[in-house]
N, C-alpha and C. Protein backbone atom coordinates (compact mmCIF):
# COMPACT_ATOMS: atom_id res chain seq x y z
N MET A 1 0.84 -1.18 0.00
CA MET A 1 0.00 0.00 0.00
C MET A 1 0.88 1.24 0.00
N GLU A 2 0.56 2.20 -0.85
CA GLU A 2 1.37 3.41 -0.97
C GLU A 2 1.12 4.34 0.20
N GLN A 3 2.22 4.92 0.67
CA GLN A 3 2.12 5.90 1.74
C GLN A 3 1.62 7.21 1.15
N MET A 4 0.66 7.80 1.80
CA MET A 4 0.14 9.08 1.34
C MET A 4 0.62 10.18 2.27
N GLY A 5 0.38 11.40 1.86
CA GLY A 5 0.67 12.53 2.72
C GLY A 5 2.13 12.88 2.86
N LYS A 6 2.91 12.73 1.81
CA LYS A 6 4.31 13.11 1.87
C LYS A 6 4.44 14.63 1.76
N LYS A 7 5.45 15.17 2.42
CA LYS A 7 5.67 16.62 2.39
C LYS A 7 6.69 16.97 1.31
N VAL A 8 6.30 17.91 0.48
CA VAL A 8 7.16 18.36 -0.61
C VAL A 8 7.29 19.88 -0.52
N ALA A 9 8.52 20.36 -0.54
CA ALA A 9 8.78 21.80 -0.49
C ALA A 9 8.90 22.37 -1.90
N PHE A 10 8.30 23.51 -2.11
CA PHE A 10 8.47 24.28 -3.35
C PHE A 10 9.21 25.54 -2.97
N LEU A 11 10.37 25.77 -3.59
CA LEU A 11 11.15 26.97 -3.33
C LEU A 11 10.76 28.01 -4.36
N LEU A 12 10.24 29.14 -3.88
CA LEU A 12 9.58 30.07 -4.78
C LEU A 12 9.83 31.52 -4.41
N ALA A 13 10.02 32.35 -5.45
CA ALA A 13 10.09 33.80 -5.31
C ALA A 13 9.32 34.40 -6.49
N GLU A 14 9.16 35.71 -6.46
CA GLU A 14 8.45 36.42 -7.54
C GLU A 14 9.04 36.08 -8.91
N GLY A 15 8.19 36.05 -9.91
CA GLY A 15 8.63 35.89 -11.29
C GLY A 15 8.87 34.46 -11.73
N TYR A 16 8.34 33.48 -10.99
CA TYR A 16 8.48 32.08 -11.40
C TYR A 16 7.74 31.84 -12.72
N GLU A 17 8.14 30.77 -13.40
CA GLU A 17 7.44 30.33 -14.61
C GLU A 17 6.14 29.68 -14.15
N ASP A 18 5.00 30.27 -14.51
CA ASP A 18 3.71 29.87 -13.96
C ASP A 18 3.44 28.36 -14.02
N SER A 19 3.56 27.78 -15.20
CA SER A 19 3.21 26.36 -15.34
C SER A 19 4.19 25.46 -14.59
N GLU A 20 5.45 25.90 -14.44
CA GLU A 20 6.44 25.08 -13.75
C GLU A 20 6.20 25.02 -12.25
N MET A 21 5.37 25.92 -11.76
CA MET A 21 4.91 25.85 -10.37
C MET A 21 3.55 25.14 -10.31
N LYS A 22 2.63 25.62 -11.12
CA LYS A 22 1.24 25.14 -11.08
C LYS A 22 1.13 23.64 -11.33
N ASN A 23 1.73 23.14 -12.39
CA ASN A 23 1.52 21.74 -12.76
C ASN A 23 2.16 20.75 -11.78
N PRO A 24 3.42 20.94 -11.35
CA PRO A 24 3.94 20.03 -10.31
C PRO A 24 3.17 20.16 -8.99
N TYR A 25 2.81 21.38 -8.61
CA TYR A 25 2.07 21.62 -7.37
C TYR A 25 0.75 20.84 -7.39
N GLU A 26 0.02 20.95 -8.49
CA GLU A 26 -1.26 20.23 -8.59
C GLU A 26 -1.05 18.72 -8.59
N ALA A 27 0.00 18.25 -9.25
CA ALA A 27 0.26 16.81 -9.28
C ALA A 27 0.60 16.28 -7.89
N ILE A 28 1.34 17.07 -7.14
CA ILE A 28 1.75 16.66 -5.78
C ILE A 28 0.55 16.68 -4.83
N THR A 29 -0.26 17.72 -4.89
CA THR A 29 -1.36 17.87 -3.93
C THR A 29 -2.59 17.04 -4.29
N LYS A 30 -2.68 16.61 -5.52
CA LYS A 30 -3.86 15.88 -6.01
C LYS A 30 -4.20 14.66 -5.15
N ASN A 31 -3.20 13.98 -4.65
CA ASN A 31 -3.42 12.76 -3.88
C ASN A 31 -3.20 12.92 -2.39
N GLY A 32 -3.40 14.14 -1.90
CA GLY A 32 -3.31 14.35 -0.46
C GLY A 32 -1.92 14.58 0.07
N ASN A 33 -0.97 14.83 -0.81
CA ASN A 33 0.37 15.17 -0.34
C ASN A 33 0.39 16.62 0.11
N ASP A 34 1.30 16.95 0.96
CA ASP A 34 1.39 18.27 1.56
C ASP A 34 2.46 19.08 0.84
N ALA A 35 2.05 20.12 0.13
CA ALA A 35 2.99 21.00 -0.55
C ALA A 35 3.21 22.24 0.32
N VAL A 36 4.46 22.50 0.63
CA VAL A 36 4.82 23.63 1.47
C VAL A 36 5.65 24.60 0.63
N ILE A 37 5.19 25.84 0.55
CA ILE A 37 5.89 26.84 -0.24
C ILE A 37 6.85 27.60 0.68
N ILE A 38 8.12 27.53 0.33
CA ILE A 38 9.17 28.19 1.10
C ILE A 38 9.71 29.33 0.25
N SER A 39 9.76 30.51 0.83
CA SER A 39 10.23 31.68 0.08
C SER A 39 11.19 32.49 0.95
N LEU A 40 11.43 33.70 0.51
CA LEU A 40 12.34 34.58 1.24
C LEU A 40 11.70 35.11 2.52
N GLU A 41 10.36 35.21 2.50
CA GLU A 41 9.61 35.65 3.67
C GLU A 41 8.38 34.76 3.85
N LYS A 42 7.96 34.59 5.08
CA LYS A 42 6.74 33.86 5.39
C LYS A 42 5.54 34.71 4.98
N GLU A 43 4.52 34.04 4.46
CA GLU A 43 3.25 34.66 4.06
C GLU A 43 3.40 35.73 2.98
N ALA A 44 4.42 35.58 2.15
CA ALA A 44 4.59 36.48 1.00
C ALA A 44 3.67 36.02 -0.11
N VAL A 45 3.00 36.94 -0.76
CA VAL A 45 2.17 36.62 -1.92
C VAL A 45 3.07 36.70 -3.15
N LEU A 46 3.19 35.58 -3.84
CA LEU A 46 4.14 35.45 -4.95
C LEU A 46 3.40 35.26 -6.27
N THR A 47 3.77 36.05 -7.26
CA THR A 47 3.12 36.01 -8.56
C THR A 47 4.12 35.57 -9.61
N GLY A 48 3.64 34.78 -10.57
CA GLY A 48 4.49 34.29 -11.64
C GLY A 48 4.69 35.31 -12.74
N LYS A 49 5.49 34.94 -13.73
CA LYS A 49 5.81 35.82 -14.86
C LYS A 49 4.56 36.26 -15.61
N LYS A 50 3.63 35.33 -15.78
CA LYS A 50 2.42 35.63 -16.56
C LYS A 50 1.31 36.22 -15.70
N GLU A 51 1.53 36.26 -14.39
CA GLU A 51 0.57 36.82 -13.44
C GLU A 51 -0.81 36.17 -13.54
N THR A 52 -0.83 34.87 -13.84
CA THR A 52 -2.11 34.16 -13.95
C THR A 52 -2.52 33.52 -12.62
N ILE A 53 -1.57 33.32 -11.73
CA ILE A 53 -1.86 32.65 -10.47
C ILE A 53 -0.85 33.13 -9.43
N SER A 54 -1.29 33.21 -8.20
CA SER A 54 -0.40 33.60 -7.10
C SER A 54 -0.44 32.52 -6.03
N TYR A 55 0.64 32.44 -5.29
CA TYR A 55 0.75 31.53 -4.16
C TYR A 55 1.23 32.32 -2.95
N THR A 56 0.84 31.89 -1.77
CA THR A 56 1.30 32.51 -0.54
C THR A 56 2.26 31.55 0.14
N SER A 57 3.43 32.05 0.48
CA SER A 57 4.44 31.18 1.10
C SER A 57 4.01 30.79 2.52
N HIS A 58 4.37 29.59 2.88
CA HIS A 58 4.07 29.06 4.22
C HIS A 58 5.19 29.37 5.21
N LEU A 59 6.42 29.36 4.72
CA LEU A 59 7.59 29.54 5.57
C LEU A 59 8.64 30.37 4.86
N SER A 60 9.50 31.00 5.64
CA SER A 60 10.70 31.60 5.06
C SER A 60 11.79 30.53 5.06
N ALA A 61 12.80 30.72 4.25
CA ALA A 61 13.90 29.76 4.21
C ALA A 61 14.57 29.65 5.58
N ALA A 62 14.62 30.75 6.32
CA ALA A 62 15.24 30.74 7.65
C ALA A 62 14.49 29.83 8.63
N GLU A 63 13.18 29.67 8.43
CA GLU A 63 12.36 28.85 9.33
C GLU A 63 12.32 27.38 8.92
N ALA A 64 12.65 27.09 7.67
CA ALA A 64 12.45 25.75 7.12
C ALA A 64 13.58 24.79 7.50
N ASP A 65 13.20 23.53 7.70
CA ASP A 65 14.15 22.47 8.01
C ASP A 65 14.04 21.41 6.90
N PRO A 66 15.10 21.19 6.13
CA PRO A 66 15.00 20.24 5.02
C PRO A 66 14.64 18.82 5.45
N ARG A 67 14.91 18.46 6.69
CA ARG A 67 14.58 17.11 7.17
C ARG A 67 13.08 16.85 7.19
N ASP A 68 12.28 17.89 7.07
CA ASP A 68 10.83 17.75 7.10
C ASP A 68 10.24 17.32 5.76
N TYR A 69 11.07 17.22 4.71
CA TYR A 69 10.54 17.03 3.35
C TYR A 69 11.08 15.78 2.67
N GLU A 70 10.22 15.18 1.88
CA GLU A 70 10.59 14.03 1.06
C GLU A 70 11.25 14.48 -0.24
N ALA A 71 10.87 15.67 -0.70
CA ALA A 71 11.42 16.20 -1.95
C ALA A 71 11.32 17.72 -1.94
N ILE A 72 12.13 18.33 -2.80
CA ILE A 72 12.13 19.78 -2.96
C ILE A 72 12.04 20.07 -4.45
N ILE A 73 11.15 20.98 -4.82
CA ILE A 73 10.96 21.34 -6.22
C ILE A 73 11.29 22.81 -6.39
N ILE A 74 12.09 23.10 -7.43
CA ILE A 74 12.50 24.47 -7.73
C ILE A 74 11.99 24.83 -9.12
N PRO A 75 10.86 25.55 -9.20
CA PRO A 75 10.38 26.01 -10.51
C PRO A 75 11.33 27.05 -11.09
N GLY A 76 11.27 27.20 -12.41
CA GLY A 76 12.16 28.13 -13.09
C GLY A 76 11.61 29.54 -13.21
N GLY A 77 11.96 30.18 -14.30
CA GLY A 77 11.62 31.58 -14.48
C GLY A 77 12.66 32.45 -13.79
N LYS A 78 12.22 33.60 -13.28
CA LYS A 78 13.13 34.53 -12.60
C LYS A 78 13.29 34.22 -11.12
N SER A 79 12.47 33.34 -10.60
CA SER A 79 12.49 32.99 -9.18
C SER A 79 13.85 32.49 -8.69
N PRO A 80 14.49 31.51 -9.36
CA PRO A 80 15.76 30.99 -8.83
C PRO A 80 16.84 32.06 -8.65
N ALA A 81 16.90 33.05 -9.55
CA ALA A 81 17.90 34.11 -9.45
C ALA A 81 17.69 34.93 -8.18
N LYS A 82 16.45 35.06 -7.74
CA LYS A 82 16.16 35.78 -6.50
C LYS A 82 16.47 34.90 -5.29
N LEU A 83 16.15 33.62 -5.38
CA LEU A 83 16.39 32.70 -4.27
C LEU A 83 17.87 32.55 -3.97
N LEU A 84 18.70 32.51 -5.00
CA LEU A 84 20.12 32.23 -4.79
C LEU A 84 20.86 33.37 -4.10
N GLU A 85 20.21 34.53 -4.01
CA GLU A 85 20.81 35.66 -3.31
C GLU A 85 20.58 35.59 -1.80
N ASN A 86 19.79 34.61 -1.35
CA ASN A 86 19.43 34.48 0.06
C ASN A 86 20.25 33.37 0.71
N GLY A 87 21.07 33.73 1.69
CA GLY A 87 21.92 32.75 2.36
C GLY A 87 21.17 31.62 3.03
N ASP A 88 20.00 31.91 3.60
CA ASP A 88 19.20 30.85 4.23
C ASP A 88 18.68 29.85 3.21
N MET A 89 18.32 30.34 2.03
CA MET A 89 17.84 29.46 0.95
C MET A 89 18.98 28.56 0.47
N VAL A 90 20.16 29.13 0.30
CA VAL A 90 21.32 28.36 -0.14
C VAL A 90 21.66 27.29 0.90
N LYS A 91 21.64 27.67 2.17
CA LYS A 91 21.92 26.72 3.25
C LYS A 91 20.88 25.60 3.27
N PHE A 92 19.61 25.95 3.08
CA PHE A 92 18.53 24.95 3.07
C PHE A 92 18.79 23.90 1.98
N ILE A 93 19.13 24.35 0.77
CA ILE A 93 19.31 23.41 -0.34
C ILE A 93 20.59 22.60 -0.15
N GLN A 94 21.62 23.19 0.44
CA GLN A 94 22.85 22.45 0.73
C GLN A 94 22.58 21.33 1.73
N GLU A 95 21.84 21.64 2.78
CA GLU A 95 21.52 20.63 3.80
C GLU A 95 20.64 19.52 3.21
N ALA A 96 19.70 19.90 2.37
CA ALA A 96 18.83 18.90 1.73
C ALA A 96 19.66 17.94 0.89
N ASP A 97 20.61 18.48 0.14
CA ASP A 97 21.45 17.64 -0.70
C ASP A 97 22.31 16.70 0.16
N GLN A 98 22.87 17.21 1.25
CA GLN A 98 23.67 16.38 2.15
C GLN A 98 22.85 15.23 2.73
N LEU A 99 21.56 15.46 2.92
CA LEU A 99 20.66 14.44 3.45
C LEU A 99 20.17 13.46 2.38
N GLY A 100 20.49 13.75 1.11
CA GLY A 100 20.06 12.88 0.01
C GLY A 100 18.61 13.06 -0.38
N ILE A 101 18.01 14.16 0.01
CA ILE A 101 16.62 14.44 -0.34
C ILE A 101 16.52 14.71 -1.83
N THR A 102 15.47 14.23 -2.46
CA THR A 102 15.25 14.48 -3.87
C THR A 102 15.08 15.97 -4.10
N ILE A 103 15.86 16.50 -5.04
CA ILE A 103 15.77 17.91 -5.42
C ILE A 103 15.47 17.95 -6.92
N ALA A 104 14.32 18.51 -7.26
CA ALA A 104 13.89 18.58 -8.66
C ALA A 104 13.90 20.05 -9.09
N ALA A 105 14.67 20.35 -10.13
CA ALA A 105 14.81 21.73 -10.60
C ALA A 105 14.55 21.78 -12.10
N ILE A 106 13.73 22.73 -12.52
CA ILE A 106 13.40 22.87 -13.94
C ILE A 106 13.76 24.26 -14.41
N CYS A 107 14.11 24.36 -15.69
CA CYS A 107 14.39 25.63 -16.36
C CYS A 107 15.59 26.32 -15.73
N HIS A 108 15.40 27.44 -15.05
CA HIS A 108 16.47 28.17 -14.38
C HIS A 108 16.73 27.65 -12.96
N GLY A 109 15.97 26.66 -12.51
CA GLY A 109 16.12 26.11 -11.16
C GLY A 109 17.54 25.68 -10.81
N PRO A 110 18.28 25.06 -11.74
CA PRO A 110 19.64 24.64 -11.41
C PRO A 110 20.58 25.79 -11.02
N GLN A 111 20.19 27.04 -11.29
CA GLN A 111 21.02 28.17 -10.86
C GLN A 111 21.20 28.16 -9.34
N LEU A 112 20.16 27.82 -8.61
CA LEU A 112 20.24 27.75 -7.15
C LEU A 112 21.19 26.63 -6.73
N LEU A 113 21.15 25.51 -7.44
CA LEU A 113 22.05 24.39 -7.14
C LEU A 113 23.50 24.77 -7.41
N ALA A 114 23.72 25.53 -8.48
CA ALA A 114 25.07 25.99 -8.81
C ALA A 114 25.60 26.91 -7.72
N LYS A 115 24.77 27.86 -7.29
CA LYS A 115 25.16 28.80 -6.24
C LYS A 115 25.50 28.06 -4.95
N ALA A 116 24.78 26.98 -4.68
CA ALA A 116 24.98 26.21 -3.46
C ALA A 116 26.17 25.26 -3.55
N GLY A 117 26.81 25.21 -4.73
CA GLY A 117 27.98 24.36 -4.90
C GLY A 117 27.68 22.88 -4.97
N LEU A 118 26.52 22.54 -5.53
CA LEU A 118 26.07 21.14 -5.52
C LEU A 118 26.26 20.40 -6.85
N LEU A 119 26.86 21.03 -7.84
CA LEU A 119 26.86 20.44 -9.17
C LEU A 119 28.14 19.71 -9.57
N GLN A 120 29.18 19.83 -8.81
CA GLN A 120 30.46 19.21 -9.16
C GLN A 120 30.29 17.72 -9.45
N GLY A 121 30.68 17.29 -10.66
CA GLY A 121 30.65 15.88 -11.02
C GLY A 121 29.27 15.32 -11.34
N ARG A 122 28.27 16.17 -11.42
CA ARG A 122 26.92 15.69 -11.70
C ARG A 122 26.53 15.99 -13.15
N THR A 123 25.54 15.26 -13.63
CA THR A 123 25.00 15.47 -14.96
C THR A 123 23.58 15.97 -14.81
N LEU A 124 23.26 17.05 -15.52
CA LEU A 124 21.91 17.59 -15.44
C LEU A 124 21.57 18.38 -16.68
N THR A 125 20.34 18.86 -16.69
CA THR A 125 19.87 19.70 -17.77
C THR A 125 19.18 20.92 -17.15
N GLY A 126 18.74 21.81 -18.00
CA GLY A 126 18.06 23.02 -17.57
C GLY A 126 17.82 23.88 -18.80
N TYR A 127 17.38 25.10 -18.57
CA TYR A 127 17.19 26.04 -19.66
C TYR A 127 18.53 26.20 -20.39
N PRO A 128 18.55 26.11 -21.73
CA PRO A 128 19.82 26.17 -22.46
C PRO A 128 20.67 27.40 -22.14
N GLY A 129 20.05 28.50 -21.78
CA GLY A 129 20.78 29.72 -21.48
C GLY A 129 21.64 29.65 -20.22
N ILE A 130 21.45 28.63 -19.39
CA ILE A 130 22.27 28.50 -18.17
C ILE A 130 23.32 27.40 -18.32
N ALA A 131 23.47 26.84 -19.51
CA ALA A 131 24.41 25.73 -19.72
C ALA A 131 25.83 26.10 -19.28
N ASP A 132 26.30 27.27 -19.66
CA ASP A 132 27.67 27.67 -19.30
C ASP A 132 27.82 27.83 -17.79
N GLU A 133 26.79 28.38 -17.15
CA GLU A 133 26.81 28.56 -15.70
C GLU A 133 26.87 27.20 -14.98
N VAL A 134 26.11 26.24 -15.50
CA VAL A 134 26.08 24.90 -14.93
C VAL A 134 27.43 24.21 -15.13
N ARG A 135 28.00 24.34 -16.32
CA ARG A 135 29.31 23.74 -16.59
C ARG A 135 30.39 24.38 -15.70
N ALA A 136 30.32 25.70 -15.53
CA ALA A 136 31.29 26.40 -14.68
C ALA A 136 31.21 25.93 -13.23
N ALA A 137 30.04 25.43 -12.83
CA ALA A 137 29.85 24.91 -11.47
C ALA A 137 30.30 23.45 -11.36
N GLY A 138 30.84 22.89 -12.46
CA GLY A 138 31.41 21.55 -12.41
C GLY A 138 30.53 20.42 -12.91
N ALA A 139 29.39 20.74 -13.51
CA ALA A 139 28.48 19.70 -13.98
C ALA A 139 28.61 19.46 -15.48
N ALA A 140 28.17 18.30 -15.89
CA ALA A 140 28.00 18.01 -17.32
C ALA A 140 26.57 18.41 -17.68
N PHE A 141 26.43 19.27 -18.68
CA PHE A 141 25.11 19.75 -19.10
C PHE A 141 24.70 19.00 -20.35
N VAL A 142 23.51 18.40 -20.33
CA VAL A 142 22.99 17.67 -21.48
C VAL A 142 21.63 18.23 -21.88
N ASP A 143 21.29 18.09 -23.14
CA ASP A 143 20.03 18.61 -23.67
C ASP A 143 19.03 17.46 -23.79
N ARG A 144 18.33 17.17 -22.68
CA ARG A 144 17.30 16.13 -22.63
C ARG A 144 16.13 16.64 -21.83
N GLU A 145 14.93 16.06 -22.07
CA GLU A 145 13.75 16.56 -21.38
C GLU A 145 13.80 16.37 -19.88
N VAL A 146 14.44 15.30 -19.44
CA VAL A 146 14.60 15.09 -17.99
C VAL A 146 15.88 14.29 -17.77
N VAL A 147 16.61 14.64 -16.72
CA VAL A 147 17.83 13.94 -16.35
C VAL A 147 17.75 13.65 -14.85
N VAL A 148 18.00 12.39 -14.50
CA VAL A 148 18.05 12.00 -13.09
C VAL A 148 19.49 11.60 -12.78
N HIS A 149 20.09 12.25 -11.80
CA HIS A 149 21.45 11.91 -11.35
C HIS A 149 21.42 11.90 -9.83
N ASN A 150 21.50 10.70 -9.28
CA ASN A 150 21.41 10.50 -7.83
C ASN A 150 20.12 11.16 -7.32
N ASN A 151 20.23 12.14 -6.42
CA ASN A 151 19.03 12.75 -5.85
C ASN A 151 18.51 13.94 -6.66
N LEU A 152 19.17 14.27 -7.78
CA LEU A 152 18.74 15.41 -8.59
C LEU A 152 17.88 14.98 -9.78
N ILE A 153 16.79 15.72 -9.98
CA ILE A 153 15.94 15.55 -11.17
C ILE A 153 15.89 16.92 -11.83
N THR A 154 16.28 17.00 -13.09
CA THR A 154 16.27 18.29 -13.78
C THR A 154 15.59 18.20 -15.14
N SER A 155 14.98 19.32 -15.55
CA SER A 155 14.33 19.43 -16.86
C SER A 155 14.59 20.82 -17.41
N ARG A 156 14.28 20.99 -18.72
CA ARG A 156 14.66 22.21 -19.44
C ARG A 156 13.63 23.32 -19.45
N ARG A 157 12.35 22.96 -19.70
CA ARG A 157 11.35 24.00 -20.01
C ARG A 157 9.93 23.47 -19.77
N PRO A 158 8.93 24.36 -19.88
CA PRO A 158 7.54 23.91 -19.63
C PRO A 158 7.11 22.69 -20.45
N GLU A 159 7.59 22.56 -21.67
CA GLU A 159 7.19 21.40 -22.50
C GLU A 159 7.67 20.08 -21.90
N ASP A 160 8.66 20.14 -21.02
CA ASP A 160 9.21 18.93 -20.39
C ASP A 160 8.49 18.55 -19.10
N GLU A 161 7.52 19.37 -18.68
CA GLU A 161 6.87 19.13 -17.39
C GLU A 161 6.29 17.73 -17.21
N PRO A 162 5.64 17.12 -18.22
CA PRO A 162 5.11 15.77 -17.97
C PRO A 162 6.19 14.77 -17.55
N ALA A 163 7.33 14.78 -18.21
CA ALA A 163 8.42 13.87 -17.85
C ALA A 163 9.02 14.25 -16.50
N PHE A 164 9.15 15.54 -16.24
CA PHE A 164 9.68 16.05 -14.97
C PHE A 164 8.79 15.59 -13.82
N ILE A 165 7.50 15.83 -13.96
CA ILE A 165 6.54 15.46 -12.91
C ILE A 165 6.52 13.94 -12.71
N GLU A 166 6.57 13.19 -13.80
CA GLU A 166 6.56 11.73 -13.71
C GLU A 166 7.75 11.23 -12.89
N GLN A 167 8.92 11.80 -13.11
CA GLN A 167 10.11 11.38 -12.35
C GLN A 167 9.97 11.72 -10.86
N ILE A 168 9.42 12.89 -10.57
CA ILE A 168 9.20 13.28 -9.16
C ILE A 168 8.23 12.31 -8.49
N ILE A 169 7.13 12.05 -9.18
CA ILE A 169 6.10 11.15 -8.63
C ILE A 169 6.67 9.75 -8.43
N ASN A 170 7.46 9.28 -9.40
CA ASN A 170 8.09 7.96 -9.27
C ASN A 170 8.99 7.92 -8.05
N ARG A 171 9.77 8.98 -7.84
CA ARG A 171 10.70 9.03 -6.71
C ARG A 171 9.95 9.04 -5.38
N LEU A 172 8.81 9.73 -5.36
CA LEU A 172 8.02 9.82 -4.13
C LEU A 172 7.22 8.54 -3.87
N GLY A 173 6.98 7.78 -4.93
CA GLY A 173 6.19 6.57 -4.76
C GLY A 173 4.71 6.85 -4.56
N VAL A 174 4.24 7.94 -5.19
CA VAL A 174 2.81 8.27 -5.12
C VAL A 174 2.26 8.33 -6.53
N SER A 175 0.98 8.10 -6.67
CA SER A 175 0.39 8.18 -7.99
C SER A 175 -0.04 9.62 -8.27
N ALA A 176 0.18 10.06 -9.50
CA ALA A 176 -0.09 11.46 -9.85
C ALA A 176 -1.35 11.61 -10.65
N TYR A 177 -1.59 10.68 -11.51
CA TYR A 177 -2.69 10.87 -12.44
C TYR A 177 -3.66 9.74 -12.26
């Protein structure tokens, strides 16, 4: 019997790619899993690039403990560039990686992983425009819809979301659809 009610953290700031937040969030919460939005401030109202949907953060990065989560999802857009400037957010993702927690990053999401120094010797993908940044952080960058390397799951763009979400759901051991 599958365990329900797993906790998944979404790391989010203003300017995220709307569908890269909305679609994984809905897939995770659909079956009773607990999605927790962690941002720079608690109870911040966050709007995506297209301004079609907003989310309110549950916790600030300073309050969050990575041990509370089965997985962490980092939507792309402009959000990761804002998150990586926050020392508490960087520390949170570093601790999660040390614990072996699944970290799923799409589009510009790997920028936060690069800032946290987590890419050395790993293979991943992301938005093509960050390929040089990812390589400079020590990773092999490949152009595929989804790449799984140890605890990291990465994808390139909104069109890759079905494969991205499927890998997250598989890792969590919950049914999505």
